Structure formats: structure tokens, C-alpha cells
Amino acid sequence: MNMVPVVSDNVAFMGYDHATRTLRVRFRSGGTYDYYDVPAFLCEAMLLPHTWRRVGRQIRAHRYRRIAA
């Protein structure tokens, strides 16, 4: 999965796998999480500046797993 930088106070990088609808988010605090069954429109919203404030709650409502500290 390709990770791209994000303009955000909370998120450093994000990536999305269209086949599995998995969103990977690397936070500036150091944690990396996979969020499962995330619609593509939320992934696209993540590319906008400071979007975690707007869509973070919707993304966190999906099943997730921490994959790195």
C-alpha cells in the first residue's frame, strides 16, 4: 500500500487499498492503524487539509487494528 503525506495536525501519512477497502493511517504521535471496510469517499476526504477533524469520527466507527507503535 502506498502511503502519501497528509496536511494535518494529527495525521502524517495515509494509504488506501481499493480492493479490500482498507485505510491505513500513520499518526504524528507514532501509531499506525488499519481501518477496515472504509468507503472510498472517506479516503478521498483524507487528502484534504486538516480533514481528520471532519472525518476522524466516521473513520473511527469502522473496525480497526493497530499495526505499529
N, C-alpha and C. Protein backbone atom coordinates (compact mmCIF):
# COMPACT_ATOMS: atom_id res chain seq x y z
N MET A 1 0.86 -1.17 0.00
CA MET A 1 0.00 0.00 0.00
C MET A 1 0.90 1.24 0.00
N ASN A 2 0.66 2.14 -0.94
CA ASN A 2 1.42 3.38 -0.99
C ASN A 2 0.89 4.35 0.05
N MET A 3 1.80 4.92 0.80
CA MET A 3 1.43 5.91 1.81
C MET A 3 1.78 7.29 1.25
N VAL A 4 0.86 8.25 1.44
CA VAL A 4 1.08 9.61 0.97
C VAL A 4 1.00 10.55 2.17
N PRO A 5 1.78 11.64 2.13
CA PRO A 5 1.72 12.60 3.23
C PRO A 5 0.38 13.34 3.25
N VAL A 6 -0.04 13.71 4.45
CA VAL A 6 -1.31 14.40 4.65
C VAL A 6 -1.03 15.69 5.41
N VAL A 7 -1.70 16.78 5.02
CA VAL A 7 -1.58 18.05 5.73
C VAL A 7 -2.57 18.01 6.89
N SER A 8 -2.05 17.73 8.08
CA SER A 8 -2.91 17.56 9.25
C SER A 8 -2.06 17.73 10.52
N ASP A 9 -2.70 18.18 11.57
CA ASP A 9 -2.02 18.27 12.86
C ASP A 9 -1.88 16.89 13.50
N ASN A 10 -2.78 15.95 13.15
CA ASN A 10 -2.81 14.64 13.78
C ASN A 10 -2.26 13.52 12.92
N VAL A 11 -2.48 13.59 11.61
CA VAL A 11 -2.13 12.51 10.70
C VAL A 11 -0.91 12.89 9.87
N ALA A 12 0.05 11.97 9.77
CA ALA A 12 1.25 12.22 8.98
C ALA A 12 1.12 11.64 7.57
N PHE A 13 0.64 10.38 7.47
CA PHE A 13 0.52 9.69 6.19
C PHE A 13 -0.76 8.86 6.17
N MET A 14 -1.25 8.59 4.96
CA MET A 14 -2.39 7.69 4.80
C MET A 14 -2.22 6.93 3.51
N GLY A 15 -2.83 5.74 3.47
CA GLY A 15 -2.86 4.93 2.27
C GLY A 15 -4.19 4.21 2.20
N TYR A 16 -4.57 3.77 1.00
CA TYR A 16 -5.87 3.12 0.84
C TYR A 16 -5.73 1.99 -0.16
N ASP A 17 -6.28 0.84 0.18
CA ASP A 17 -6.33 -0.31 -0.70
C ASP A 17 -7.77 -0.46 -1.19
N HIS A 18 -8.00 -0.12 -2.47
CA HIS A 18 -9.36 -0.15 -3.02
C HIS A 18 -9.94 -1.56 -3.03
N ALA A 19 -9.11 -2.57 -3.24
CA ALA A 19 -9.60 -3.94 -3.33
C ALA A 19 -10.19 -4.42 -2.00
N THR A 20 -9.54 -4.07 -0.91
CA THR A 20 -10.02 -4.52 0.41
C THR A 20 -10.73 -3.42 1.20
N ARG A 21 -10.74 -2.20 0.65
CA ARG A 21 -11.33 -1.03 1.32
C ARG A 21 -10.70 -0.80 2.69
N THR A 22 -9.37 -0.97 2.74
CA THR A 22 -8.62 -0.76 3.97
C THR A 22 -7.91 0.58 3.91
N LEU A 23 -8.13 1.40 4.93
CA LEU A 23 -7.47 2.69 5.07
C LEU A 23 -6.38 2.55 6.12
N ARG A 24 -5.16 2.90 5.78
CA ARG A 24 -4.05 2.87 6.74
C ARG A 24 -3.71 4.31 7.09
N VAL A 25 -3.63 4.59 8.38
CA VAL A 25 -3.36 5.94 8.87
C VAL A 25 -2.16 5.88 9.81
N ARG A 26 -1.14 6.70 9.52
CA ARG A 26 0.00 6.84 10.42
C ARG A 26 -0.12 8.21 11.09
N PHE A 27 -0.28 8.19 12.39
CA PHE A 27 -0.46 9.42 13.15
C PHE A 27 0.88 10.04 13.51
N ARG A 28 0.89 11.33 13.69
CA ARG A 28 2.12 12.03 14.08
C ARG A 28 2.62 11.55 15.44
N SER A 29 1.72 11.03 16.25
CA SER A 29 2.10 10.51 17.57
C SER A 29 2.87 9.20 17.46
N GLY A 30 2.88 8.61 16.24
CA GLY A 30 3.67 7.41 16.02
C GLY A 30 2.88 6.16 15.74
N GLY A 31 1.63 6.08 16.10
CA GLY A 31 0.84 4.88 15.87
C GLY A 31 0.37 4.76 14.43
N THR A 32 0.29 3.53 13.94
CA THR A 32 -0.24 3.26 12.61
C THR A 32 -1.40 2.28 12.76
N TYR A 33 -2.52 2.61 12.12
CA TYR A 33 -3.74 1.81 12.25
C TYR A 33 -4.29 1.47 10.87
N ASP A 34 -4.86 0.28 10.76
CA ASP A 34 -5.65 -0.11 9.60
C ASP A 34 -7.12 -0.04 9.99
N TYR A 35 -7.89 0.66 9.18
CA TYR A 35 -9.35 0.75 9.35
C TYR A 35 -9.98 -0.03 8.20
N TYR A 36 -10.91 -0.93 8.52
CA TYR A 36 -11.44 -1.87 7.54
C TYR A 36 -12.82 -1.46 7.03
N ASP A 37 -13.07 -1.80 5.76
CA ASP A 37 -14.35 -1.56 5.09
C ASP A 37 -14.70 -0.07 5.07
N VAL A 38 -13.70 0.77 4.78
CA VAL A 38 -13.87 2.22 4.72
C VAL A 38 -14.24 2.60 3.28
N PRO A 39 -15.34 3.34 3.09
CA PRO A 39 -15.71 3.76 1.74
C PRO A 39 -14.65 4.67 1.12
N ALA A 40 -14.54 4.60 -0.20
CA ALA A 40 -13.53 5.39 -0.92
C ALA A 40 -13.70 6.88 -0.70
N PHE A 41 -14.94 7.36 -0.52
CA PHE A 41 -15.12 8.81 -0.35
C PHE A 41 -14.46 9.33 0.93
N LEU A 42 -14.37 8.49 1.97
CA LEU A 42 -13.68 8.91 3.19
C LEU A 42 -12.17 8.96 2.95
N CYS A 43 -11.67 8.04 2.15
CA CYS A 43 -10.25 8.06 1.79
C CYS A 43 -9.94 9.34 1.02
N GLU A 44 -10.78 9.69 0.07
CA GLU A 44 -10.57 10.91 -0.72
C GLU A 44 -10.64 12.14 0.18
N ALA A 45 -11.52 12.13 1.16
CA ALA A 45 -11.62 13.25 2.09
C ALA A 45 -10.35 13.42 2.91
N MET A 46 -9.64 12.31 3.16
CA MET A 46 -8.41 12.37 3.93
C MET A 46 -7.31 13.16 3.21
N LEU A 47 -7.44 13.33 1.92
CA LEU A 47 -6.43 14.07 1.16
C LEU A 47 -6.59 15.58 1.28
N LEU A 48 -7.71 16.03 1.82
CA LEU A 48 -7.92 17.46 2.04
C LEU A 48 -7.17 17.91 3.28
N PRO A 49 -6.75 19.17 3.34
CA PRO A 49 -6.02 19.65 4.52
C PRO A 49 -6.86 19.56 5.80
N HIS A 50 -6.24 19.12 6.85
CA HIS A 50 -6.81 19.07 8.21
C HIS A 50 -8.16 18.36 8.26
N THR A 51 -8.26 17.28 7.52
CA THR A 51 -9.55 16.60 7.41
C THR A 51 -9.87 15.68 8.58
N TRP A 52 -8.86 15.25 9.35
CA TRP A 52 -9.15 14.32 10.45
C TRP A 52 -10.17 14.91 11.41
N ARG A 53 -10.15 16.22 11.56
CA ARG A 53 -11.14 16.87 12.43
C ARG A 53 -12.56 16.64 11.92
N ARG A 54 -12.70 16.55 10.59
CA ARG A 54 -14.03 16.41 10.00
C ARG A 54 -14.46 14.96 9.84
N VAL A 55 -13.55 14.08 9.46
CA VAL A 55 -13.96 12.70 9.16
C VAL A 55 -13.40 11.67 10.13
N GLY A 56 -12.60 12.07 11.07
CA GLY A 56 -12.00 11.13 12.02
C GLY A 56 -13.02 10.30 12.76
N ARG A 57 -14.09 10.91 13.19
CA ARG A 57 -15.13 10.18 13.93
C ARG A 57 -15.79 9.12 13.04
N GLN A 58 -16.03 9.45 11.77
CA GLN A 58 -16.63 8.49 10.84
C GLN A 58 -15.67 7.32 10.59
N ILE A 59 -14.39 7.62 10.46
CA ILE A 59 -13.41 6.56 10.21
C ILE A 59 -13.25 5.68 11.45
N ARG A 60 -13.18 6.29 12.63
CA ARG A 60 -13.00 5.51 13.86
C ARG A 60 -14.20 4.61 14.16
N ALA A 61 -15.34 4.84 13.50
CA ALA A 61 -16.51 3.99 13.69
C ALA A 61 -16.34 2.63 13.02
N HIS A 62 -15.33 2.51 12.16
CA HIS A 62 -15.06 1.24 11.47
C HIS A 62 -14.17 0.37 12.34
N ARG A 63 -14.25 -0.92 12.07
CA ARG A 63 -13.36 -1.87 12.76
C ARG A 63 -11.92 -1.49 12.42
N TYR A 64 -11.02 -1.58 13.40
CA TYR A 64 -9.63 -1.19 13.16
C TYR A 64 -8.69 -2.08 13.95
N ARG A 65 -7.41 -1.96 13.59
CA ARG A 65 -6.36 -2.69 14.31
C ARG A 65 -5.10 -1.85 14.26
N ARG A 66 -4.45 -1.75 15.40
CA ARG A 66 -3.16 -1.05 15.45
C ARG A 66 -2.09 -2.00 14.88
N ILE A 67 -1.34 -1.51 13.91
CA ILE A 67 -0.35 -2.39 13.28
C ILE A 67 1.08 -2.01 13.62
N ALA A 68 1.29 -0.82 14.17
CA ALA A 68 2.62 -0.41 14.57
C ALA A 68 2.53 0.62 15.69
N ALA A 69 3.54 0.62 16.54
CA ALA A 69 3.56 1.56 17.67
C ALA A 69 3.93 2.94 17.23
